[in-house]
């Protein structure tokens, strides 16, 4: 005779996860580092930007071309005899255009 109390359960194959129609809850956001808040962080970034921005603009600015011609050239509508007399470098019938 067999005693049912000493019987061990049959091993079963692992089940595949079922497709649950409800999505899992989103994971909470990571905590902020100790000793600071978002406001403190943004304040620090703003202060650093005040120092960095002028430096970047200075380094990326185009160099002005110094020319003695610029101080003596005639503006639009001025009288001229050659193209080099005009700031636009364009003289037409005695008038800078």
PDB file of N, CA and C in Angstrom:
ATOM      1  N   UNK A   1       0.808  -1.173   0.000  1.00  0.00           N
ATOM      2  CA  UNK A   1       0.000   0.000   0.000  1.00  0.00           C
ATOM      3  C   UNK A   1       0.857   1.244   0.000  1.00  0.00           C
ATOM      4  N   UNK A   2       0.282   2.271  -0.554  1.00  0.00           N
ATOM      5  CA  UNK A   2       0.991   3.541  -0.626  1.00  0.00           C
ATOM      6  C   UNK A   2       0.444   4.504   0.402  1.00  0.00           C
ATOM      7  N   UNK A   3       1.353   5.190   1.037  1.00  0.00           N
ATOM      8  CA  UNK A   3       0.950   6.202   2.014  1.00  0.00           C
ATOM      9  C   UNK A   3       1.014   7.573   1.329  1.00  0.00           C
ATOM     10  N   UNK A   4      -0.122   8.286   1.222  1.00  0.00           N
ATOM     11  CA  UNK A   4      -0.192   9.573   0.526  1.00  0.00           C
ATOM     12  C   UNK A   4       0.524  10.700   1.285  1.00  0.00           C
ATOM     13  N   UNK A   5       0.753  10.582   2.533  1.00  0.00           N
ATOM     14  CA  UNK A   5       1.369  11.652   3.315  1.00  0.00           C
ATOM     15  C   UNK A   5       2.874  11.745   3.072  1.00  0.00           C
ATOM     16  N   UNK A   6       3.513  10.701   2.594  1.00  0.00           N
ATOM     17  CA  UNK A   6       4.942  10.743   2.369  1.00  0.00           C
ATOM     18  C   UNK A   6       5.298  11.092   0.934  1.00  0.00           C
ATOM     19  N   UNK A   7       4.317  11.214   0.139  1.00  0.00           N
ATOM     20  CA  UNK A   7       4.542  11.534  -1.270  1.00  0.00           C
ATOM     21  C   UNK A   7       4.999  12.980  -1.436  1.00  0.00           C
ATOM     22  N   UNK A   8       5.958  13.184  -2.295  1.00  0.00           N
ATOM     23  CA  UNK A   8       6.415  14.535  -2.571  1.00  0.00           C
ATOM     24  C   UNK A   8       5.729  15.030  -3.830  1.00  0.00           C
ATOM     25  N   UNK A   9       5.484  16.370  -3.903  1.00  0.00           N
ATOM     26  CA  UNK A   9       4.799  16.880  -5.104  1.00  0.00           C
ATOM     27  C   UNK A   9       5.686  16.745  -6.330  1.00  0.00           C
ATOM     28  N   UNK A  10       5.050  16.570  -7.484  1.00  0.00           N
ATOM     29  CA  UNK A  10       5.776  16.468  -8.750  1.00  0.00           C
ATOM     30  C   UNK A  10       6.403  17.812  -9.077  1.00  0.00           C
ATOM     31  N   UNK A  11       7.619  17.819  -9.567  1.00  0.00           N
ATOM     32  CA  UNK A  11       8.182  19.100  -9.987  1.00  0.00           C
ATOM     33  C   UNK A  11       7.461  19.578 -11.241  1.00  0.00           C
ATOM     34  N   UNK A  12       7.226  20.885 -11.293  1.00  0.00           N
ATOM     35  CA  UNK A  12       6.541  21.466 -12.456  1.00  0.00           C
ATOM     36  C   UNK A  12       7.506  22.381 -13.187  1.00  0.00           C
ATOM     37  N   UNK A  13       7.251  22.524 -14.460  1.00  0.00           N
ATOM     38  CA  UNK A  13       8.072  23.419 -15.281  1.00  0.00           C
ATOM     39  C   UNK A  13       7.768  24.866 -14.899  1.00  0.00           C
ATOM     40  N   UNK A  14       8.763  25.753 -14.941  1.00  0.00           N
ATOM     41  CA  UNK A  14       8.485  27.160 -14.610  1.00  0.00           C
ATOM     42  C   UNK A  14       7.506  27.762 -15.612  1.00  0.00           C
ATOM     43  N   UNK A  15       6.621  28.568 -15.066  1.00  0.00           N
ATOM     44  CA  UNK A  15       5.603  29.193 -15.913  1.00  0.00           C
ATOM     45  C   UNK A  15       6.128  30.456 -16.547  1.00  0.00           C
ATOM     46  N   UNK A  16       5.657  30.716 -17.734  1.00  0.00           N
ATOM     47  CA  UNK A  16       5.974  31.973 -18.422  1.00  0.00           C
ATOM     48  C   UNK A  16       5.171  33.073 -17.758  1.00  0.00           C
ATOM     49  N   UNK A  17       5.733  34.275 -17.650  1.00  0.00           N
ATOM     50  CA  UNK A  17       4.949  35.370 -17.060  1.00  0.00           C
ATOM     51  C   UNK A  17       3.748  35.685 -17.944  1.00  0.00           C
ATOM     52  N   UNK A  18       2.641  35.871 -17.313  1.00  0.00           N
ATOM     53  CA  UNK A  18       1.423  36.174 -18.070  1.00  0.00           C
ATOM     54  C   UNK A  18       1.423  37.641 -18.474  1.00  0.00           C
ATOM     55  N   UNK A  19       0.793  37.905 -19.579  1.00  0.00           N
ATOM     56  CA  UNK A  19       0.692  39.285 -20.061  1.00  0.00           C
ATOM     57  C   UNK A  19      -0.369  39.995 -19.239  1.00  0.00           C
ATOM     58  N   UNK A  20       0.083  40.875 -18.369  1.00  0.00           N
ATOM     59  CA  UNK A  20      -0.842  41.611 -17.510  1.00  0.00           C
ATOM     60  C   UNK A  20      -1.312  42.855 -18.260  1.00  0.00           C
ATOM     61  N   UNK A  21      -2.624  43.056 -18.404  1.00  0.00           N
ATOM     62  CA  UNK A  21      -3.102  44.219 -19.163  1.00  0.00           C
ATOM     63  C   UNK A  21      -2.827  45.551 -18.471  1.00  0.00           C
ATOM     64  N   UNK A  22      -2.581  45.568 -17.164  1.00  0.00           N
ATOM     65  CA  UNK A  22      -2.305  46.825 -16.472  1.00  0.00           C
ATOM     66  C   UNK A  22      -0.800  47.041 -16.406  1.00  0.00           C
ATOM     67  N   UNK A  23      -0.320  48.228 -16.782  1.00  0.00           N
ATOM     68  CA  UNK A  23       1.122  48.486 -16.736  1.00  0.00           C
ATOM     69  C   UNK A  23       1.617  48.581 -15.294  1.00  0.00           C
ATOM     70  N   UNK A  24       2.884  48.310 -15.140  1.00  0.00           N
ATOM     71  CA  UNK A  24       3.483  48.402 -13.811  1.00  0.00           C
ATOM     72  C   UNK A  24       3.573  49.870 -13.401  1.00  0.00           C
ATOM     73  N   UNK A  25       3.544  50.108 -12.117  1.00  0.00           N
ATOM     74  CA  UNK A  25       3.635  51.477 -11.607  1.00  0.00           C
ATOM     75  C   UNK A  25       5.027  52.029 -11.918  1.00  0.00           C
ATOM     76  N   UNK A  26       5.125  53.315 -12.282  1.00  0.00           N
ATOM     77  CA  UNK A  26       6.443  53.890 -12.573  1.00  0.00           C
ATOM     78  C   UNK A  26       7.300  53.908 -11.317  1.00  0.00           C
ATOM     79  N   UNK A  27       8.584  53.782 -11.528  1.00  0.00           N
ATOM     80  CA  UNK A  27       9.493  53.823 -10.387  1.00  0.00           C
ATOM     81  C   UNK A  27       9.626  55.268  -9.917  1.00  0.00           C
ATOM     82  N   UNK A  28       9.754  55.472  -8.629  1.00  0.00           N
ATOM     83  CA  UNK A  28       9.869  56.851  -8.127  1.00  0.00           C
ATOM     84  C   UNK A  28      11.182  57.471  -8.572  1.00  0.00           C
ATOM     85  N   UNK A  29      11.198  58.789  -8.631  1.00  0.00           N
ATOM     86  CA  UNK A  29      12.395  59.527  -9.044  1.00  0.00           C
ATOM     87  C   UNK A  29      13.504  59.308  -8.023  1.00  0.00           C
ATOM     88  N   UNK A  30      14.722  59.359  -8.517  1.00  0.00           N
ATOM     89  CA  UNK A  30      15.868  59.193  -7.635  1.00  0.00           C
ATOM     90  C   UNK A  30      15.927  60.367  -6.660  1.00  0.00           C
ATOM     91  N   UNK A  31      16.310  60.099  -5.429  1.00  0.00           N
ATOM     92  CA  UNK A  31      16.380  61.207  -4.469  1.00  0.00           C
ATOM     93  C   UNK A  31      17.494  62.173  -4.828  1.00  0.00           C
ATOM     94  N   UNK A  32      17.327  63.411  -4.423  1.00  0.00           N
ATOM     95  CA  UNK A  32      18.340  64.437  -4.667  1.00  0.00           C
ATOM     96  C   UNK A  32      19.552  64.181  -3.796  1.00  0.00           C
ATOM     97  N   UNK A  33      20.713  64.614  -4.232  1.00  0.00           N
ATOM     98  CA  UNK A  33      21.896  64.448  -3.388  1.00  0.00           C
ATOM     99  C   UNK A  33      21.718  65.187  -2.072  1.00  0.00           C
ATOM    100  N   UNK A  34      22.349  64.676  -1.061  1.00  0.00           N
ATOM    101  CA  UNK A  34      22.238  65.268   0.268  1.00  0.00           C
ATOM    102  C   UNK A  34      22.857  66.659   0.254  1.00  0.00           C
ATOM    103  N   UNK A  35      22.179  67.607   0.884  1.00  0.00           N
ATOM    104  CA  UNK A  35      22.740  68.933   1.039  1.00  0.00           C
ATOM    105  C   UNK A  35      22.345  69.914  -0.052  1.00  0.00           C
ATOM    106  N   UNK A  36      21.385  69.592  -0.875  1.00  0.00           N
ATOM    107  CA  UNK A  36      21.009  70.531  -1.919  1.00  0.00           C
ATOM    108  C   UNK A  36      19.596  70.289  -2.405  1.00  0.00           C
ATOM    109  N   UNK A  37      19.018  71.326  -2.946  1.00  0.00           N
ATOM    110  CA  UNK A  37      17.696  71.216  -3.535  1.00  0.00           C
ATOM    111  C   UNK A  37      17.790  71.639  -4.995  1.00  0.00           C
ATOM    112  N   UNK A  38      16.732  71.451  -5.709  1.00  0.00           N
ATOM    113  CA  UNK A  38      16.718  71.879  -7.115  1.00  0.00           C
ATOM    114  C   UNK A  38      16.921  73.390  -7.216  1.00  0.00           C
ATOM    115  N   UNK A  39      16.321  74.108  -6.296  1.00  0.00           N
ATOM    116  CA  UNK A  39      16.456  75.569  -6.314  1.00  0.00           C
ATOM    117  C   UNK A  39      17.904  75.982  -6.088  1.00  0.00           C
ATOM    118  N   UNK A  40      18.574  75.328  -5.139  1.00  0.00           N
ATOM    119  CA  UNK A  40      19.989  75.631  -4.891  1.00  0.00           C
ATOM    120  C   UNK A  40      20.826  75.317  -6.117  1.00  0.00           C
ATOM    121  N   UNK A  41      20.529  74.203  -6.766  1.00  0.00           N
ATOM    122  CA  UNK A  41      21.269  73.814  -7.962  1.00  0.00           C
ATOM    123  C   UNK A  41      21.102  74.855  -9.062  1.00  0.00           C
ATOM    124  N   UNK A  42      19.863  75.272  -9.326  1.00  0.00           N
ATOM    125  CA  UNK A  42      19.607  76.239 -10.397  1.00  0.00           C
ATOM    126  C   UNK A  42      20.225  77.599 -10.067  1.00  0.00           C
ATOM    127  N   UNK A  43      20.219  77.972  -8.802  1.00  0.00           N
ATOM    128  CA  UNK A  43      20.854  79.233  -8.406  1.00  0.00           C
ATOM    129  C   UNK A  43      22.347  79.174  -8.694  1.00  0.00           C
ATOM    130  N   UNK A  44      22.970  78.051  -8.371  1.00  0.00           N
ATOM    131  CA  UNK A  44      24.394  77.887  -8.630  1.00  0.00           C
ATOM    132  C   UNK A  44      24.708  77.918 -10.114  1.00  0.00           C
ATOM    133  N   UNK A  45      23.867  77.281 -10.924  1.00  0.00           N
ATOM    134  CA  UNK A  45      24.078  77.279 -12.372  1.00  0.00           C
ATOM    135  C   UNK A  45      23.945  78.692 -12.924  1.00  0.00           C
ATOM    136  N   UNK A  46      22.964  79.438 -12.450  1.00  0.00           N
ATOM    137  CA  UNK A  46      22.762  80.812 -12.916  1.00  0.00           C
ATOM    138  C   UNK A  46      23.953  81.703 -12.600  1.00  0.00           C
ATOM    139  N   UNK A  47      24.510  81.548 -11.411  1.00  0.00           N
ATOM    140  CA  UNK A  47      25.665  82.359 -11.032  1.00  0.00           C
ATOM    141  C   UNK A  47      26.877  82.023 -11.885  1.00  0.00           C
ATOM    142  N   UNK A  48      27.063  80.739 -12.178  1.00  0.00           N
ATOM    143  CA  UNK A  48      28.198  80.336 -13.018  1.00  0.00           C
ATOM    144  C   UNK A  48      28.014  80.843 -14.442  1.00  0.00           C
ATOM    145  N   UNK A  49      26.772  80.863 -14.918  1.00  0.00           N
ATOM    146  CA  UNK A  49      26.512  81.340 -16.278  1.00  0.00           C
ATOM    147  C   UNK A  49      26.859  82.825 -16.413  1.00  0.00           C
ATOM    148  N   UNK A  50      26.719  83.582 -15.332  1.00  0.00           N
ATOM    149  CA  UNK A  50      27.070  85.007 -15.378  1.00  0.00           C
ATOM    150  C   UNK A  50      28.552  85.213 -15.665  1.00  0.00           C
ATOM    151  N   UNK A  51      29.381  84.290 -15.208  1.00  0.00           N
ATOM    152  CA  UNK A  51      30.820  84.396 -15.444  1.00  0.00           C
ATOM    153  C   UNK A  51      31.243  83.768 -16.762  1.00  0.00           C
ATOM    154  N   UNK A  52      30.585  82.687 -17.143  1.00  0.00           N
ATOM    155  CA  UNK A  52      30.994  81.936 -18.333  1.00  0.00           C
ATOM    156  C   UNK A  52      30.540  82.609 -19.623  1.00  0.00           C
ATOM    157  N   UNK A  53      29.338  83.175 -19.650  1.00  0.00           N
ATOM    158  CA  UNK A  53      28.781  83.741 -20.883  1.00  0.00           C
ATOM    159  C   UNK A  53      29.671  84.816 -21.501  1.00  0.00           C
ATOM    160  N   UNK A  54      30.137  85.824 -20.770  1.00  0.00           N
ATOM    161  CA  UNK A  54      31.004  86.831 -21.411  1.00  0.00           C
ATOM    162  C   UNK A  54      32.294  86.240 -21.971  1.00  0.00           C
ATOM    163  N   UNK A  55      32.831  85.240 -21.302  1.00  0.00           N
ATOM    164  CA  UNK A  55      34.065  84.613 -21.782  1.00  0.00           C
ATOM    165  C   UNK A  55      33.807  83.911 -23.110  1.00  0.00           C
ATOM    166  N   UNK A  56      32.702  83.154 -23.167  1.00  0.00           N
ATOM    167  CA  UNK A  56      32.378  82.456 -24.417  1.00  0.00           C
ATOM    168  C   UNK A  56      32.103  83.433 -25.549  1.00  0.00           C
ATOM    169  N   UNK A  57      31.401  84.508 -25.264  1.00  0.00           N
ATOM    170  CA  UNK A  57      31.108  85.490 -26.301  1.00  0.00           C
ATOM    171  C   UNK A  57      32.375  86.182 -26.788  1.00  0.00           C
ATOM    172  N   UNK A  58      33.293  86.429 -25.871  1.00  0.00           N
ATOM    173  CA  UNK A  58      34.554  87.062 -26.257  1.00  0.00           C
ATOM    174  C   UNK A  58      35.371  86.141 -27.142  1.00  0.00           C
ATOM    175  N   UNK A  59      35.421  84.875 -26.794  1.00  0.00           N
ATOM    176  CA  UNK A  59      36.215  83.932 -27.572  1.00  0.00           C
ATOM    177  C   UNK A  59      35.614  83.650 -28.947  1.00  0.00           C
ATOM    178  N   UNK A  60      34.293  83.724 -29.061  1.00  0.00           N
ATOM    179  CA  UNK A  60      33.650  83.388 -30.327  1.00  0.00           C
ATOM    180  C   UNK A  60      33.364  84.607 -31.209  1.00  0.00           C
ATOM    181  N   UNK A  61      33.617  85.822 -30.715  1.00  0.00           N
ATOM    182  CA  UNK A  61      33.333  87.029 -31.496  1.00  0.00           C
ATOM    183  C   UNK A  61      34.317  87.166 -32.656  1.00  0.00           C
ATOM    184  N   UNK A  62      33.821  87.659 -33.765  1.00  0.00           N
ATOM    185  CA  UNK A  62      34.682  87.902 -34.926  1.00  0.00           C
ATOM    186  C   UNK A  62      35.549  89.135 -34.657  1.00  0.00           C
ATOM    187  N   UNK A  63      36.757  89.074 -35.121  1.00  0.00           N
ATOM    188  CA  UNK A  63      37.677  90.189 -34.928  1.00  0.00           C
ATOM    189  C   UNK A  63      37.307  91.337 -35.864  1.00  0.00           C
ATOM    190  N   UNK A  64      37.331  92.553 -35.347  1.00  0.00           N
ATOM    191  CA  UNK A  64      37.084  93.724 -36.177  1.00  0.00           C
ATOM    192  C   UNK A  64      38.329  94.000 -37.016  1.00  0.00           C
ATOM    193  N   UNK A  65      38.107  94.424 -38.213  1.00  0.00           N
ATOM    194  CA  UNK A  65      39.230  94.722 -39.098  1.00  0.00           C
ATOM    195  C   UNK A  65      39.526  96.208 -38.996  1.00  0.00           C
ATOM    196  N   UNK A  66      40.682  96.513 -38.463  1.00  0.00           N
ATOM    197  CA  UNK A  66      41.080  97.906 -38.337  1.00  0.00           C
ATOM    198  C   UNK A  66      41.627  98.381 -39.672  1.00  0.00           C
ATOM    199  N   UNK A  67      41.081  99.481 -40.148  1.00  0.00           N
ATOM    200  CA  UNK A  67      41.514 100.000 -41.434  1.00  0.00           C
ATOM    201  C   UNK A  67      41.535 101.523 -41.378  1.00  0.00           C
ATOM    202  N   UNK A  68      42.585 102.140 -41.854  1.00  0.00           N
ATOM    203  CA  UNK A  68      42.603 103.607 -41.877  1.00  0.00           C
ATOM    204  C   UNK A  68      41.557 104.150 -42.840  1.00  0.00           C
ATOM    205  N   UNK A  69      41.150 103.327 -43.799  1.00  0.00           N
ATOM    206  CA  UNK A  69      40.135 103.723 -44.762  1.00  0.00           C
ATOM    207  C   UNK A  69      38.794 103.983 -44.083  1.00  0.00           C
ATOM    208  N   UNK A  70      38.471 103.207 -43.036  1.00  0.00           N
ATOM    209  CA  UNK A  70      37.177 103.334 -42.376  1.00  0.00           C
ATOM    210  C   UNK A  70      36.994 104.713 -41.739  1.00  0.00           C
ATOM    211  N   UNK A  71      38.069 105.341 -41.294  1.00  0.00           N
ATOM    212  CA  UNK A  71      37.954 106.649 -40.649  1.00  0.00           C
ATOM    213  C   UNK A  71      37.754 107.768 -41.663  1.00  0.00           C
ATOM    214  N   UNK A  72      38.194 107.569 -42.901  1.00  0.00           N
ATOM    215  CA  UNK A  72      38.116 108.650 -43.877  1.00  0.00           C
ATOM    216  C   UNK A  72      37.136 108.385 -45.018  1.00  0.00           C
ATOM    217  N   UNK A  73      36.434 107.283 -45.013  1.00  0.00           N
ATOM    218  CA  UNK A  73      35.540 106.976 -46.139  1.00  0.00           C
ATOM    219  C   UNK A  73      34.252 107.789 -46.067  1.00  0.00           C
ATOM    220  N   UNK A  74      33.626 107.940 -47.211  1.00  0.00           N
ATOM    221  CA  UNK A  74      32.374 108.698 -47.324  1.00  0.00           C
ATOM    222  C   UNK A  74      31.200 107.733 -47.211  1.00  0.00           C
ATOM    223  N   UNK A  75      30.150 108.182 -46.529  1.00  0.00           N
ATOM    224  CA  UNK A  75      28.959 107.337 -46.342  1.00  0.00           C
ATOM    225  C   UNK A  75      28.060 107.416 -47.560  1.00  0.00           C
ATOM    226  N   UNK A  76      26.965 106.705 -47.528  1.00  0.00           N
ATOM    227  CA  UNK A  76      25.996 106.644 -48.623  1.00  0.00           C
ATOM    228  C   UNK A  76      25.552 108.045 -49.031  1.00  0.00           C
ATOM    229  N   UNK A  77      25.651 108.358 -50.288  1.00  0.00           N
ATOM    230  CA  UNK A  77      25.247 109.660 -50.806  1.00  0.00           C
ATOM    231  C   UNK A  77      26.354 110.689 -50.802  1.00  0.00           C
ATOM    232  N   UNK A  78      27.519 110.360 -50.258  1.00  0.00           N
ATOM    233  CA  UNK A  78      28.643 111.298 -50.229  1.00  0.00           C
ATOM    234  C   UNK A  78      29.284 111.417 -51.613  1.00  0.00           C
ATOM    235  N   UNK A  79      29.968 112.526 -51.839  1.00  0.00           N
ATOM    236  CA  UNK A  79      30.616 112.724 -53.145  1.00  0.00           C
ATOM    237  C   UNK A  79      31.915 111.927 -53.201  1.00  0.00           C
ATOM    238  N   UNK A  80      32.204 111.368 -54.391  1.00  0.00           N
ATOM    239  CA  UNK A  80      33.400 110.549 -54.542  1.00  0.00           C
ATOM    240  C   UNK A  80      33.932 110.670 -55.963  1.00  0.00           C
ATOM    241  N   UNK A  81      35.196 110.243 -56.088  1.00  0.00           N
ATOM    242  CA  UNK A  81      35.771 110.214 -57.431  1.00  0.00           C
ATOM    243  C   UNK A  81      36.223 108.796 -57.789  1.00  0.00           C
ATOM    244  N   UNK A  82      36.500 107.959 -56.754  1.00  0.00           N
ATOM    245  CA  UNK A  82      36.860 106.552 -56.993  1.00  0.00           C
ATOM    246  C   UNK A  82      36.123 105.667 -55.993  1.00  0.00           C
ATOM    247  N   UNK A  83      36.101 104.374 -56.248  1.00  0.00           N
ATOM    248  CA  UNK A  83      35.431 103.430 -55.341  1.00  0.00           C
ATOM    249  C   UNK A  83      36.042 103.459 -53.947  1.00  0.00           C
ATOM    250  N   UNK A  84      37.346 103.654 -53.846  1.00  0.00           N
ATOM    251  CA  UNK A  84      38.006 103.644 -52.539  1.00  0.00           C
ATOM    252  C   UNK A  84      37.628 104.843 -51.678  1.00  0.00           C
ATOM    253  N   UNK A  85      36.993 105.870 -52.250  1.00  0.00           N
ATOM    254  CA  UNK A  85      36.531 107.018 -51.465  1.00  0.00           C
ATOM    255  C   UNK A  85      35.315 106.651 -50.601  1.00  0.00           C
ATOM    256  N   UNK A  86      34.567 105.621 -50.993  1.00  0.00           N
ATOM    257  CA  UNK A  86      33.301 105.256 -50.329  1.00  0.00           C
ATOM    258  C   UNK A  86      33.501 104.116 -49.326  1.00  0.00           C
ATOM    259  N   UNK A  87      32.769 104.168 -48.224  1.00  0.00           N
ATOM    260  CA  UNK A  87      32.787 103.075 -47.248  1.00  0.00           C
ATOM    261  C   UNK A  87      32.266 101.785 -47.868  1.00  0.00           C
ATOM    262  N   UNK A  88      31.315 101.911 -48.779  1.00  0.00           N
ATOM    263  CA  UNK A  88      30.763 100.731 -49.463  1.00  0.00           C
ATOM    264  C   UNK A  88      31.667 100.249 -50.596  1.00  0.00           C
ATOM    265  N   UNK A  89      32.725 101.023 -50.865  1.00  0.00           N
ATOM    266  CA  UNK A  89      33.655 100.734 -51.958  1.00  0.00           C
ATOM    267  C   UNK A  89      32.945 100.698 -53.302  1.00  0.00           C
ATOM    268  N   UNK A  90      31.915 101.577 -53.440  1.00  0.00           N
ATOM    269  CA  UNK A  90      31.164 101.630 -54.683  1.00  0.00           C
ATOM    270  C   UNK A  90      30.804 103.087 -54.992  1.00  0.00           C
ATOM    271  N   UNK A  91      31.512 103.674 -55.981  1.00  0.00           N
ATOM    272  CA  UNK A  91      31.260 105.055 -56.393  1.00  0.00           C
ATOM    273  C   UNK A  91      30.616 105.006 -57.780  1.00  0.00           C
ATOM    274  N   UNK A  92      29.472 105.674 -57.925  1.00  0.00           N
ATOM    275  CA  UNK A  92      28.769 105.679 -59.213  1.00  0.00           C
ATOM    276  C   UNK A  92      28.453 107.123 -59.582  1.00  0.00           C
ATOM    277  N   UNK A  93      29.013 107.577 -60.646  1.00  0.00           N
ATOM    278  CA  UNK A  93      28.842 108.943 -61.168  1.00  0.00           C
ATOM    279  C   UNK A  93      29.023 110.009 -60.092  1.00  0.00           C
ATOM    280  N   UNK A  94      30.077 109.818 -59.269  1.00  0.00           N
ATOM    281  CA  UNK A  94      30.412 110.840 -58.279  1.00  0.00           C
ATOM    282  C   UNK A  94      29.639 110.749 -56.992  1.00  0.00           C
ATOM    283  N   UNK A  95      28.840 109.693 -56.779  1.00  0.00           N
ATOM    284  CA  UNK A  95      28.038 109.546 -55.530  1.00  0.00           C
ATOM    285  C   UNK A  95      28.278 108.140 -54.959  1.00  0.00           C
ATOM    286  N   UNK A  96      28.532 108.082 -53.670  1.00  0.00           N
ATOM    287  CA  UNK A  96      28.714 106.779 -52.999  1.00  0.00           C
ATOM    288  C   UNK A  96      27.376 106.056 -52.912  1.00  0.00           C
ATOM    289  N   UNK A  97      27.360 104.844 -53.402  1.00  0.00           N
ATOM    290  CA  UNK A  97      26.110 104.057 -53.318  1.00  0.00           C
ATOM    291  C   UNK A  97      26.338 102.805 -52.492  1.00  0.00           C
TER     292      UNK A  97
END
